[in-house]
Amino acid sequence: MDALPPGMKQTYEWENTYIMEPKENERFIPNKVKAICERAMKAKLEDQEYVSEEETKQWVLELCAEIKDGVREECNIPRHKIMVQVLISKNEGQGIRVCSKGLWDESTDNWASYTYQSRFLLGTAMVFGCYFDRTVGLVFSDADIDIKSSVSFGSMSSAGRSAVRPLPQFLFPEVFTTDFTIHNLPYGVFRAHGGKARIGTAIGDKILDLSVLAERRRLPQYFTHPTLNEFMGMDKSEWSKVRAKIQSFLSDDHPESLKHDSALLQEALVDMSKVQMLLPCDIGDYTDFYSSEEHATNVGKMFRPNQDPLLPNWKHLPVGYHGRASSVVVSGTPITRPCGQRKGPNDPAPTFGPSRRMDIELEMAFFVGGKGTELGEPIKLSEAGERIFGVVLMNDWSSRDIQQWEYVPLGPFLGKNFGTTISPWIVTWEALQPFRIPLTKEQIPRPLPYLAHSEDSRPQLDISLTVDLNGERICKSNLKHMYWSMEQQLSHHTVNGCNVRPGDLMGSGTISGPTPDSFGSLLELSWAGQKKIKIGTEERVFLEDNDEVTIRGHCEKDGISLGFGECSGMILPAKY
């Protein structure tokens, strides 16, 4: 196959800086990508009639996003920059002329296309995969290259254009294709070679050791501490100042760039694969909320089938409970199957033993930052965003049989306090600002004034989330489905004068969306054990010993992308 499709030409002259090809298991496979395009276009266009050019533009944008997300999630091509072009016209037999341009290298890059035709519409999707080795010397603009075009009645109207514009060069240009991009710079704590705990920031597949930079007086001394608590206790302006300083260290053309001190750069850079990640801070208190309307409704339907699935208070306040900070662990820590009392609906008396209904809960959680509040001092909703340091992935492991027997009347206890896993890297609240969106659900009835967001606010976050069980995808959801925002959760938590401290952890609650594949727990996916969940060649209802669960999260908008890494854990047999 030619490097470029017929009729296309290379329009940019760049020096070839590739020095290696993709790994065999990380190659762009056109047939697999084509199948993703086919599935998305059939689902979107099969029953659609042409309405207007504006409507067509919206379909184009949605298809570009769906195809791009599908390729990222289903194809193992982490080093490829994915470019998607979708064209749609009224089906009048005239066809679609495709003319694209882009950066291309025939030894590494590839493409796939699919044309869909219905009675009313004609559509073409083209996906380009440009490979960037981790030592490639090209840097793209924030917009990167995203081609999204709409065609109606044979004339093209643009819904987005490709662009390559000069930007400050970064020392690690490959990070534009990883979770830990230059737009991210999350904070974590690690230990290398059995040494002491050190604070770092993730950049690509490396860690920049901030302790080293602090020891050289390039950063404040609180980065020499073994936890992030003191830094988390600073105010928002200090967080922003430090973030900008770290970005200057990583900029190729900044006076403070570490390229001017190669010895320091070499000392401060650590391979992520060679360290042990630790909890990022001392967690003083942990609170978990119950803020997904879909999750609460599903649980209500299962356990209260003849009643309103939502309890009377649910839409008036973010329901929560106090968890156990001592059993919060970092990703990769095994979780032992808990033991406790269990009693089924037809059992004459409770029995004791290992949980038979071990479950997951797909969650995110935020760390409280800023100076600790005094007892009796609430945090207003308008101030809550300035008191959120950052966000992590979270799996709030749950024993459904123990929980079901014990939770009346005071709520969860042994069914929830045996283990909560978080991802090791805290993605800062500042880094997440480009991904803020309005609430996706209208809050009816309108919350009381202390909980009411203004109508023009953007309090929710658009974060795509996935759950894999033993390597098989079982859930695809999004934080944007939540009814209550993190700022509302923090404000309500403190409205009675409850004091909070930097490093306190607050879980979002199980994140479930409107479709069955977006349910964030096995309880929902199996509908209380009534349905089998397909896991490769096996089936599951709840977790078995040695099952491994991995949660991932990713944001992408206007060429800016970042991820959260992984939140994973394996179930070990009970010890009792």
Protein backbone atom coordinates (compact mmCIF):
# COMPACT_ATOMS: atom_id res chain seq x y z
CA MET A 1 0.00 0.00 0.00
CA ASP A 2 1.25 3.50 -0.81
CA ALA A 3 2.25 5.73 2.06
CA LEU A 4 -0.51 8.19 1.15
CA PRO A 5 -3.99 7.40 -0.22
CA PRO A 6 -4.50 8.11 -3.94
CA GLY A 7 -4.96 11.80 -4.66
CA MET A 8 -3.22 12.91 -1.48
CA LYS A 9 0.18 14.51 -1.14
CA GLN A 10 2.61 15.39 1.60
CA THR A 11 2.46 19.14 2.15
CA TYR A 12 5.02 19.70 4.89
CA GLU A 13 8.76 19.22 4.55
CA TRP A 14 10.24 17.99 7.81
CA GLU A 15 13.53 16.34 8.59
CA ASN A 16 12.86 12.69 9.42
CA THR A 17 13.69 12.27 13.11
CA TYR A 18 12.32 8.77 13.61
CA ILE A 19 14.92 6.39 14.98
CA MET A 20 12.86 3.26 15.53
CA GLU A 21 9.61 1.61 14.47
CA PRO A 22 6.65 0.73 16.68
CA LYS A 23 6.83 -2.49 18.64
CA GLU A 24 5.16 -5.43 16.93
CA ASN A 25 2.21 -5.34 19.35
CA GLU A 26 1.84 -1.54 19.01
CA ARG A 27 1.30 -1.27 15.28
CA PHE A 28 -1.56 0.51 13.57
CA ILE A 29 -3.82 -2.24 12.16
CA PRO A 30 -6.05 -0.74 9.43
CA ASN A 31 -8.68 -3.50 9.48
CA LYS A 32 -9.23 -3.09 13.22
CA VAL A 33 -9.51 0.69 12.88
CA LYS A 34 -11.85 0.29 9.92
CA ALA A 35 -14.16 -1.90 12.03
CA ILE A 36 -14.30 0.84 14.68
CA CYS A 37 -15.25 3.40 11.99
CA GLU A 38 -17.90 1.07 10.59
CA ARG A 39 -19.48 0.48 13.98
CA ALA A 40 -19.57 4.18 14.87
CA MET A 41 -20.93 5.35 11.52
CA LYS A 42 -23.64 2.72 11.34
CA ALA A 43 -24.79 3.54 14.86
CA LYS A 44 -24.86 7.28 14.16
CA LEU A 45 -26.17 7.47 10.58
CA GLU A 46 -28.23 4.36 9.89
CA ASP A 47 -31.64 5.93 10.54
CA GLN A 48 -30.73 9.59 10.05
CA GLU A 49 -32.12 11.85 7.35
CA TYR A 50 -30.37 15.00 6.19
CA VAL A 51 -31.74 17.95 8.19
CA SER A 52 -29.35 20.88 7.94
CA GLU A 53 -25.70 21.76 7.60
CA GLU A 54 -25.51 22.66 11.30
CA GLU A 55 -26.93 19.28 12.28
CA THR A 56 -24.45 17.58 9.96
CA LYS A 57 -21.56 19.45 11.58
CA GLN A 58 -22.66 18.15 14.97
CA TRP A 59 -22.76 14.56 13.67
CA VAL A 60 -19.25 15.04 12.30
CA LEU A 61 -17.88 16.29 15.60
CA GLU A 62 -19.54 13.46 17.52
CA LEU A 63 -18.28 10.81 15.09
CA CYS A 64 -14.73 12.18 15.17
CA ALA A 65 -14.74 11.98 18.95
CA GLU A 66 -16.31 8.49 19.06
CA ILE A 67 -13.91 7.06 16.48
CA LYS A 68 -10.88 8.64 18.11
CA ASP A 69 -11.92 7.37 21.56
CA GLY A 70 -12.57 3.91 20.11
CA VAL A 71 -9.15 3.73 18.48
CA ARG A 72 -7.41 4.89 21.66
CA GLU A 73 -9.25 2.39 23.84
CA GLU A 74 -9.31 -0.68 21.57
CA CYS A 75 -6.02 -0.40 19.65
CA ASN A 76 -2.72 -0.67 21.47
CA ILE A 77 -0.99 2.24 19.70
CA PRO A 78 0.19 4.54 22.52
CA ARG A 79 2.91 6.18 20.40
CA HIS A 80 0.68 7.16 17.48
CA LYS A 81 -0.92 10.56 17.07
CA ILE A 82 -4.47 9.81 15.93
CA MET A 83 -6.03 12.11 13.33
CA VAL A 84 -9.64 11.62 12.27
CA GLN A 85 -11.46 13.08 9.28
CA VAL A 86 -15.18 12.56 8.78
CA LEU A 87 -17.16 13.84 5.82
CA ILE A 88 -20.92 13.58 5.44
CA SER A 89 -23.10 14.56 2.48
CA LYS A 90 -26.64 14.12 1.33
CA ASN A 91 -26.80 10.91 -0.71
CA GLU A 92 -27.49 12.25 -4.20
CA GLY A 93 -25.03 10.08 -6.04
CA GLN A 94 -22.34 12.75 -6.35
CA GLY A 95 -19.89 11.13 -3.94
CA ILE A 96 -17.40 12.88 -1.72
CA ARG A 97 -14.05 14.29 -2.76
CA VAL A 98 -11.44 13.80 -0.07
CA CYS A 99 -8.36 15.97 0.09
CA SER A 100 -6.23 15.77 3.21
CA LYS A 101 -2.78 16.81 4.23
CA GLY A 102 -0.56 15.80 7.06
CA LEU A 103 2.83 14.76 8.28
CA TRP A 104 3.68 11.31 7.01
CA ASP A 105 6.43 8.72 7.10
CA GLU A 106 5.80 5.60 5.08
CA SER A 107 8.01 3.41 7.29
CA THR A 108 5.97 3.97 10.44
CA ASP A 109 2.60 5.56 9.67
CA ASN A 110 -0.65 4.07 8.42
CA TRP A 111 -4.25 4.90 7.68
CA ALA A 112 -7.68 3.34 7.36
CA SER A 113 -10.90 4.51 5.75
CA TYR A 114 -14.52 3.42 5.68
CA THR A 115 -17.41 4.68 3.55
CA TYR A 116 -20.98 4.29 4.73
CA GLN A 117 -24.04 4.77 2.54
CA SER A 118 -27.68 4.79 3.61
CA ARG A 119 -30.81 5.84 1.76
CA PHE A 120 -30.29 9.43 2.84
CA LEU A 121 -26.63 9.97 3.67
CA LEU A 122 -23.16 9.24 2.36
CA GLY A 123 -20.30 9.36 4.82
CA THR A 124 -16.57 8.70 4.81
CA ALA A 125 -14.30 8.33 7.81
CA MET A 126 -10.52 8.42 7.49
CA VAL A 127 -8.19 7.69 10.40
CA PHE A 128 -4.49 8.46 10.24
CA GLY A 129 -1.97 7.11 12.70
CA CYS A 130 1.32 9.04 12.78
CA TYR A 131 3.95 7.35 14.89
CA PHE A 132 6.13 9.37 17.24
CA ASP A 133 9.08 7.65 18.84
CA ARG A 134 9.82 8.79 22.38
CA THR A 135 12.95 10.56 21.10
CA VAL A 136 11.28 12.32 18.17
CA GLY A 137 12.20 15.99 17.96
CA LEU A 138 8.91 17.45 16.72
CA VAL A 139 6.62 19.51 18.91
CA PHE A 140 3.04 20.33 17.99
CA SER A 141 0.78 23.14 19.06
CA ASP A 142 -1.90 22.73 21.72
CA ALA A 143 -4.31 22.09 18.87
CA ASP A 144 -2.09 19.29 17.52
CA ILE A 145 -3.47 17.93 14.27
CA ASP A 146 -7.15 17.13 14.31
CA ILE A 147 -8.96 17.15 10.98
CA LYS A 148 -12.73 17.34 11.34
CA SER A 149 -14.72 18.40 8.28
CA SER A 150 -18.35 18.38 7.26
CA VAL A 151 -19.61 18.17 3.68
CA SER A 152 -23.18 18.89 2.64
CA PHE A 153 -24.56 19.09 -0.92
CA GLY A 154 -21.04 18.47 -2.20
CA SER A 155 -19.51 21.64 -0.72
CA MET A 156 -17.16 21.50 2.24
CA SER A 157 -17.76 23.45 5.42
CA SER A 158 -15.08 23.18 8.07
CA ALA A 159 -15.84 22.11 11.63
CA GLY A 160 -12.19 22.32 12.65
CA ARG A 161 -8.86 22.64 10.84
CA SER A 162 -5.44 21.09 11.14
CA ALA A 163 -2.72 23.37 12.41
CA VAL A 164 1.00 23.20 13.08
CA ARG A 165 2.14 26.37 14.84
CA PRO A 166 5.39 27.21 16.60
CA LEU A 167 5.35 26.60 20.36
CA PRO A 168 8.02 26.68 23.00
CA GLN A 169 10.04 23.52 22.57
CA PHE A 170 9.88 21.02 25.42
CA LEU A 171 12.66 18.71 26.52
CA PHE A 172 10.26 15.75 26.39
CA PRO A 173 8.11 16.19 23.26
CA GLU A 174 6.98 12.58 23.38
CA VAL A 175 4.81 13.37 26.40
CA PHE A 176 2.16 14.73 24.06
CA THR A 177 1.14 11.10 23.45
CA THR A 178 1.06 9.78 27.02
CA ASP A 179 -1.06 10.15 30.15
CA PHE A 180 1.54 12.39 31.71
CA THR A 181 1.82 15.25 29.25
CA ILE A 182 3.34 18.68 29.76
CA HIS A 183 -0.24 19.84 30.39
CA ASN A 184 -0.55 17.41 33.29
CA LEU A 185 2.46 17.31 35.65
CA PRO A 186 0.77 15.35 38.45
CA TYR A 187 2.37 14.95 41.86
CA GLY A 188 3.26 11.69 43.57
CA VAL A 189 5.61 10.09 46.08
CA PHE A 190 8.01 7.30 45.15
CA ARG A 191 10.88 5.24 46.45
CA ALA A 192 13.81 4.20 44.26
CA HIS A 193 16.15 1.29 45.05
CA GLY A 194 14.81 0.90 48.58
CA GLY A 195 15.70 4.49 49.45
CA LYS A 196 13.66 7.14 51.22
CA ALA A 197 10.31 8.47 50.05
CA ARG A 198 10.69 11.32 47.56
CA ILE A 199 8.26 13.73 45.88
CA GLY A 200 8.15 13.80 42.10
CA THR A 201 6.10 14.75 39.07
CA ALA A 202 5.36 12.40 36.19
CA ILE A 203 6.47 13.37 32.69
CA GLY A 204 5.99 10.70 30.04
CA ASP A 205 7.48 7.48 31.38
CA LYS A 206 9.90 9.38 33.64
CA ILE A 207 9.68 10.97 37.07
CA LEU A 208 11.21 14.37 37.69
CA ASP A 209 12.51 14.10 41.25
CA LEU A 210 11.40 17.36 42.87
CA SER A 211 13.34 16.46 46.01
CA VAL A 212 16.57 16.78 44.04
CA LEU A 213 15.55 20.18 42.72
CA ALA A 214 14.61 21.32 46.22
CA GLU A 215 17.96 20.14 47.56
CA ARG A 216 19.61 22.32 44.88
CA ARG A 217 17.44 25.29 45.93
CA ARG A 218 15.56 25.28 42.64
CA LEU A 219 12.25 24.52 44.42
CA PRO A 220 10.85 25.16 47.94
CA GLN A 221 12.13 23.00 50.76
CA TYR A 222 8.77 21.31 51.38
CA PHE A 223 9.60 19.10 48.40
CA THR A 224 12.32 17.44 50.50
CA HIS A 225 9.60 16.00 52.76
CA PRO A 226 8.38 12.38 52.39
CA THR A 227 4.75 13.44 51.73
CA LEU A 228 2.92 16.18 49.86
CA ASN A 229 0.97 17.45 52.89
CA GLU A 230 2.88 20.70 53.43
CA PHE A 231 2.70 21.61 49.75
CA MET A 232 -0.99 20.70 49.70
CA GLY A 233 -1.47 23.06 52.64
CA MET A 234 -0.32 26.06 50.58
CA ASP A 235 -2.83 28.25 48.77
CA LYS A 236 -3.88 28.13 45.13
CA SER A 237 -1.43 30.87 44.08
CA GLU A 238 1.51 28.86 45.43
CA TRP A 239 0.34 25.73 43.59
CA SER A 240 0.16 27.72 40.33
CA LYS A 241 3.56 29.31 40.90
CA VAL A 242 5.24 25.93 41.44
CA ARG A 243 3.50 24.38 38.44
CA ALA A 244 4.72 27.22 36.20
CA LYS A 245 8.23 26.83 37.61
CA ILE A 246 8.29 23.10 36.79
CA GLN A 247 7.06 23.81 33.27
CA SER A 248 9.92 26.28 32.82
CA PHE A 249 12.39 23.57 33.87
CA LEU A 250 11.00 21.35 31.12
CA SER A 251 10.92 24.05 28.42
CA ASP A 252 13.68 23.91 25.85
CA ASP A 253 13.85 27.68 25.32
CA HIS A 254 13.39 29.01 28.88
CA PRO A 255 16.33 30.52 30.82
CA GLU A 256 15.61 28.12 33.71
CA SER A 257 15.45 25.06 31.45
CA LEU A 258 17.22 22.03 32.85
CA LYS A 259 18.90 21.56 29.49
CA HIS A 260 21.44 24.12 30.72
CA ASP A 261 22.44 21.78 33.55
CA SER A 262 22.69 18.31 32.07
CA ALA A 263 24.19 16.84 35.26
CA LEU A 264 21.23 18.04 37.34
CA LEU A 265 18.77 16.84 34.70
CA GLN A 266 20.34 13.39 34.69
CA GLU A 267 20.29 13.24 38.50
CA ALA A 268 16.66 14.39 38.73
CA LEU A 269 15.18 12.09 36.06
CA VAL A 270 14.12 8.62 37.17
CA ASP A 271 12.62 5.79 35.11
CA MET A 272 9.07 5.24 36.32
CA SER A 273 9.43 1.50 35.78
CA LYS A 274 12.24 1.33 38.35
CA VAL A 275 10.47 2.84 41.37
CA GLN A 276 7.89 1.88 43.96
CA MET A 277 4.97 4.28 44.16
CA LEU A 278 3.69 5.21 47.63
CA LEU A 279 0.63 7.02 48.95
CA PRO A 280 1.10 10.67 48.00
CA CYS A 281 0.28 12.08 51.43
CA ASP A 282 -0.81 11.28 54.96
CA ILE A 283 -4.59 10.90 54.70
CA GLY A 284 -6.11 12.22 57.90
CA ASP A 285 -9.75 11.54 57.09
CA TYR A 286 -11.65 9.86 54.28
CA THR A 287 -15.26 10.50 53.26
CA ASP A 288 -17.17 8.73 50.49
CA PHE A 289 -20.22 10.15 48.74
CA TYR A 290 -23.14 8.59 46.89
CA SER A 291 -23.64 11.08 44.05
CA SER A 292 -24.56 9.17 40.89
CA GLU A 293 -28.30 9.29 40.22
CA GLU A 294 -28.06 6.23 37.95
CA HIS A 295 -26.18 4.20 40.56
CA ALA A 296 -28.53 5.20 43.38
CA THR A 297 -31.55 4.46 41.19
CA ASN A 298 -30.23 1.06 40.13
CA VAL A 299 -29.49 0.04 43.71
CA GLY A 300 -32.91 1.26 44.81
CA LYS A 301 -34.64 -0.76 42.10
CA MET A 302 -32.75 -3.89 43.13
CA PHE A 303 -33.32 -3.69 46.87
CA ARG A 304 -36.55 -1.66 47.14
CA PRO A 305 -38.48 -2.81 44.04
CA ASN A 306 -41.86 -1.66 45.34
CA GLN A 307 -40.71 1.79 46.48
CA ASP A 308 -39.29 4.94 44.95
CA PRO A 309 -35.67 3.95 44.13
CA LEU A 310 -34.33 7.30 45.38
CA LEU A 311 -34.78 8.07 49.05
CA PRO A 312 -36.50 11.40 49.85
CA ASN A 313 -33.29 13.26 50.75
CA TRP A 314 -31.20 12.20 47.75
CA LYS A 315 -31.89 15.16 45.42
CA HIS A 316 -31.62 17.70 48.22
CA LEU A 317 -28.08 16.98 49.44
CA PRO A 318 -24.98 14.95 48.51
CA VAL A 319 -25.33 11.84 50.66
CA GLY A 320 -22.07 10.60 52.19
CA TYR A 321 -20.50 8.58 54.99
CA HIS A 322 -17.18 8.59 56.82
CA GLY A 323 -14.81 5.84 55.70
CA ARG A 324 -11.59 4.45 57.08
CA ALA A 325 -8.40 6.35 56.11
CA SER A 326 -6.13 3.62 57.51
CA SER A 327 -7.14 1.15 54.79
CA VAL A 328 -6.63 3.50 51.81
CA VAL A 329 -3.81 1.96 49.75
CA VAL A 330 -1.89 2.88 46.63
CA SER A 331 -2.46 1.19 43.27
CA GLY A 332 -0.89 -2.26 43.02
CA THR A 333 -1.51 -3.20 46.65
CA PRO A 334 -3.31 -6.59 46.92
CA ILE A 335 -6.66 -6.66 48.72
CA THR A 336 -7.48 -9.62 50.97
CA ARG A 337 -11.01 -10.97 50.70
CA PRO A 338 -12.83 -9.85 53.86
CA CYS A 339 -14.68 -12.05 56.31
CA GLY A 340 -17.80 -11.13 58.19
CA GLN A 341 -21.40 -11.99 58.92
CA ARG A 342 -23.68 -12.81 55.98
CA LYS A 343 -27.38 -13.53 55.89
CA GLY A 344 -29.36 -14.18 52.75
CA PRO A 345 -33.09 -13.33 52.54
CA ASN A 346 -34.07 -16.98 53.10
CA ASP A 347 -31.43 -17.87 55.71
CA PRO A 348 -32.78 -18.50 59.23
CA ALA A 349 -29.70 -16.97 60.87
CA PRO A 350 -26.47 -15.22 59.87
CA THR A 351 -23.28 -17.17 59.17
CA PHE A 352 -19.64 -16.13 59.34
CA GLY A 353 -17.06 -16.53 56.59
CA PRO A 354 -15.36 -14.99 53.54
CA SER A 355 -17.45 -12.63 51.46
CA ARG A 356 -19.11 -14.33 48.49
CA ARG A 357 -20.07 -11.06 46.82
CA MET A 358 -16.85 -9.08 46.42
CA ASP A 359 -17.39 -6.02 44.27
CA ILE A 360 -15.71 -2.96 42.83
CA GLU A 361 -16.82 0.65 42.76
CA LEU A 362 -15.56 2.87 39.95
CA GLU A 363 -14.88 6.22 41.59
CA MET A 364 -12.73 9.32 41.50
CA ALA A 365 -11.65 11.19 44.60
CA PHE A 366 -10.30 14.63 45.40
CA PHE A 367 -7.73 15.72 47.96
CA VAL A 368 -8.49 18.74 50.11
CA GLY A 369 -5.87 21.48 49.93
CA GLY A 370 -5.16 24.87 51.41
CA LYS A 371 -4.81 25.78 55.04
CA GLY A 372 -6.82 23.55 57.35
CA THR A 373 -10.10 25.06 58.48
CA GLU A 374 -11.01 25.77 62.08
CA LEU A 375 -13.76 23.85 63.83
CA GLY A 376 -17.01 25.69 63.07
CA GLU A 377 -15.66 27.23 59.84
CA PRO A 378 -17.59 26.21 56.67
CA ILE A 379 -16.23 26.36 53.11
CA LYS A 380 -18.60 28.24 50.84
CA LEU A 381 -19.48 26.79 47.44
CA SER A 382 -17.83 29.77 45.72
CA GLU A 383 -14.57 28.98 47.55
CA ALA A 384 -14.63 25.19 47.29
CA GLY A 385 -12.72 25.00 44.00
CA GLU A 386 -9.78 26.82 45.58
CA ARG A 387 -9.65 24.16 48.31
CA ILE A 388 -9.40 21.17 45.96
CA PHE A 389 -5.74 20.27 45.41
CA GLY A 390 -6.23 17.51 42.86
CA VAL A 391 -7.97 14.33 41.79
CA VAL A 392 -7.14 10.61 41.66
CA LEU A 393 -8.81 7.42 40.45
CA MET A 394 -10.36 5.29 43.17
CA ASN A 395 -11.73 1.77 43.61
CA ASP A 396 -13.82 1.51 46.76
CA TRP A 397 -13.82 -2.28 47.14
CA SER A 398 -17.10 -3.53 48.61
CA SER A 399 -18.44 -6.72 50.14
CA ARG A 400 -22.09 -6.71 49.14
CA ASP A 401 -23.23 -9.63 51.30
CA ILE A 402 -21.57 -8.30 54.46
CA GLN A 403 -22.81 -4.79 53.67
CA GLN A 404 -26.39 -5.88 53.04
CA TRP A 405 -26.71 -7.55 56.45
CA GLU A 406 -24.98 -4.86 58.53
CA TYR A 407 -25.88 -1.49 57.02
CA VAL A 408 -29.22 -0.88 58.81
CA PRO A 409 -29.53 1.52 60.56
CA LEU A 410 -26.12 3.27 60.57
CA GLY A 411 -24.76 2.51 57.11
CA PRO A 412 -21.63 0.71 55.80
CA PHE A 413 -19.07 -0.75 58.21
CA LEU A 414 -17.13 -4.00 57.64
CA GLY A 415 -18.47 -4.26 54.10
CA LYS A 416 -16.51 -1.15 53.09
CA ASN A 417 -13.57 -0.53 55.44
CA PHE A 418 -11.21 -3.35 54.42
CA GLY A 419 -9.60 -1.62 51.43
CA THR A 420 -9.84 1.43 49.17
CA THR A 421 -7.36 1.77 46.30
CA ILE A 422 -6.27 5.08 44.74
CA SER A 423 -3.99 5.86 41.81
CA PRO A 424 -0.56 7.18 42.85
CA TRP A 425 -0.48 10.41 40.83
CA ILE A 426 -2.59 13.41 41.90
CA VAL A 427 -3.73 15.31 38.81
CA THR A 428 -4.02 18.92 39.94
CA TRP A 429 -7.26 20.85 39.91
CA GLU A 430 -5.52 23.48 37.77
CA ALA A 431 -4.59 20.93 35.10
CA LEU A 432 -8.23 19.81 34.91
CA GLN A 433 -9.70 23.27 34.26
CA PRO A 434 -9.83 22.87 30.43
CA PHE A 435 -12.13 19.88 30.92
CA ARG A 436 -14.76 21.60 33.05
CA ILE A 437 -18.30 21.51 31.69
CA PRO A 438 -21.78 22.49 32.91
CA LEU A 439 -23.70 19.95 34.96
CA THR A 440 -25.09 17.37 32.55
CA LYS A 441 -28.18 16.92 34.72
CA GLU A 442 -30.51 19.71 35.76
CA GLN A 443 -30.76 19.64 39.54
CA ILE A 444 -34.50 19.49 40.24
CA PRO A 445 -35.58 20.59 42.75
CA ARG A 446 -33.03 23.40 42.76
CA PRO A 447 -30.67 22.91 45.72
CA LEU A 448 -30.84 25.23 48.69
CA PRO A 449 -28.83 28.45 48.16
CA TYR A 450 -25.65 27.20 49.89
CA LEU A 451 -25.49 24.31 47.37
CA ALA A 452 -26.76 26.03 44.21
CA HIS A 453 -24.31 26.58 41.35
CA SER A 454 -24.92 29.63 39.17
CA GLU A 455 -26.55 28.88 35.83
CA ASP A 456 -23.43 29.84 33.84
CA SER A 457 -21.03 27.76 35.95
CA ARG A 458 -19.04 24.76 34.72
CA PRO A 459 -18.69 22.64 37.86
CA GLN A 460 -18.48 19.18 36.32
CA LEU A 461 -15.48 17.43 34.74
CA ASP A 462 -15.47 15.52 31.44
CA ILE A 463 -13.23 12.56 32.32
CA SER A 464 -13.55 9.29 30.40
CA LEU A 465 -13.18 6.23 32.63
CA THR A 466 -12.75 2.52 31.99
CA VAL A 467 -12.67 -0.62 34.12
CA ASP A 468 -10.86 -3.80 33.07
CA LEU A 469 -11.25 -7.14 34.84
CA ASN A 470 -8.36 -9.52 34.12
CA GLY A 471 -7.54 -7.45 31.05
CA GLU A 472 -11.09 -7.45 29.64
CA ARG A 473 -13.08 -4.22 29.40
CA ILE A 474 -16.27 -4.41 31.48
CA CYS A 475 -17.20 -0.75 31.90
CA LYS A 476 -16.82 2.55 30.08
CA SER A 477 -18.18 5.56 31.94
CA ASN A 478 -17.54 9.26 32.58
CA LEU A 479 -17.38 11.50 35.63
CA LYS A 480 -19.70 13.96 33.88
CA HIS A 481 -22.64 11.65 34.66
CA MET A 482 -22.52 12.59 38.36
CA TYR A 483 -25.47 14.51 39.79
CA TRP A 484 -23.54 16.34 42.52
CA SER A 485 -20.23 18.12 41.81
CA MET A 486 -17.06 17.82 43.89
CA GLU A 487 -17.41 21.45 44.95
CA GLN A 488 -20.93 20.77 46.22
CA GLN A 489 -19.64 17.73 48.11
CA LEU A 490 -16.91 19.73 49.87
CA SER A 491 -19.20 22.64 50.67
CA HIS A 492 -21.90 20.38 52.11
CA HIS A 493 -19.32 18.41 54.10
CA THR A 494 -18.27 21.56 55.95
CA VAL A 495 -21.54 23.51 56.13
CA ASN A 496 -22.09 22.32 59.71
CA GLY A 497 -18.64 23.53 60.75
CA CYS A 498 -16.77 20.23 60.26
CA ASN A 499 -13.10 21.11 59.91
CA VAL A 500 -10.96 19.67 57.11
CA ARG A 501 -7.20 19.37 56.69
CA PRO A 502 -4.84 19.22 53.71
CA GLY A 503 -4.64 15.61 52.61
CA ASP A 504 -8.22 14.69 53.51
CA LEU A 505 -9.66 12.42 50.82
CA MET A 506 -13.22 12.58 49.49
CA GLY A 507 -14.62 9.95 47.11
CA SER A 508 -17.12 10.79 44.39
CA GLY A 509 -19.25 7.73 44.92
CA THR A 510 -19.79 5.02 42.32
CA ILE A 511 -19.81 6.51 38.81
CA SER A 512 -22.56 4.95 36.68
CA GLY A 513 -23.90 6.26 33.40
CA PRO A 514 -27.23 5.83 31.61
CA THR A 515 -26.38 2.63 29.71
CA PRO A 516 -25.62 -0.86 31.09
CA ASP A 517 -22.02 -0.79 29.84
CA SER A 518 -21.44 2.38 31.88
CA PHE A 519 -22.48 0.91 35.23
CA GLY A 520 -19.61 1.30 37.70
CA SER A 521 -20.07 -1.83 39.85
CA LEU A 522 -20.49 -5.56 39.38
CA LEU A 523 -23.64 -5.30 41.47
CA GLU A 524 -25.20 -3.30 38.65
CA LEU A 525 -23.49 -5.06 35.74
CA SER A 526 -24.80 -8.43 37.01
CA TRP A 527 -28.01 -6.87 38.33
CA ALA A 528 -27.56 -8.22 41.86
CA GLY A 529 -26.10 -11.49 40.58
CA GLN A 530 -28.90 -12.34 38.15
CA LYS A 531 -26.83 -11.89 34.97
CA LYS A 532 -23.43 -13.32 34.03
CA ILE A 533 -20.67 -10.93 32.97
CA LYS A 534 -18.52 -12.18 30.09
CA ILE A 535 -14.78 -11.98 30.86
CA GLY A 536 -12.97 -13.41 27.84
CA THR A 537 -13.76 -17.13 27.85
CA GLU A 538 -14.97 -16.98 31.46
CA GLU A 539 -17.99 -15.56 33.25
CA ARG A 540 -18.31 -13.59 36.46
CA VAL A 541 -21.02 -12.35 38.76
CA PHE A 542 -18.77 -11.05 41.54
CA LEU A 543 -14.99 -11.12 42.02
CA GLU A 544 -13.11 -14.37 42.50
CA ASP A 545 -9.74 -14.84 44.18
CA ASN A 546 -6.80 -13.64 42.05
CA ASP A 547 -9.04 -11.43 39.90
CA GLU A 548 -7.31 -8.16 39.01
CA VAL A 549 -9.19 -4.91 38.43
CA THR A 550 -7.70 -1.88 36.66
CA ILE A 551 -9.31 1.55 36.39
CA ARG A 552 -8.05 4.17 33.93
CA GLY A 553 -9.04 7.76 33.24
CA HIS A 554 -8.35 10.16 30.38
CA CYS A 555 -9.28 13.71 29.31
CA GLU A 556 -8.90 15.22 25.86
CA LYS A 557 -10.07 18.54 24.44
CA ASP A 558 -8.77 20.95 21.80
CA GLY A 559 -5.49 19.08 21.45
CA ILE A 560 -4.81 19.00 25.19
CA SER A 561 -4.78 15.52 26.67
CA LEU A 562 -3.87 14.03 30.01
CA GLY A 563 -4.44 10.85 31.95
CA PHE A 564 -4.44 9.55 35.49
CA GLY A 565 -2.34 6.41 35.08
CA GLU A 566 -3.80 3.26 36.61
CA CYS A 567 -5.65 2.28 39.76
CA SER A 568 -5.28 -1.47 40.08
CA GLY A 569 -5.54 -4.22 42.65
CA MET A 570 -5.83 -8.00 42.94
CA ILE A 571 -8.10 -9.97 45.26
CA LEU A 572 -6.25 -12.44 47.52
CA PRO A 573 -7.90 -15.34 49.37
CA ALA A 574 -9.35 -14.68 52.82
CA LYS A 575 -7.01 -15.25 55.79
CA TYR A 576 -9.54 -16.09 58.49
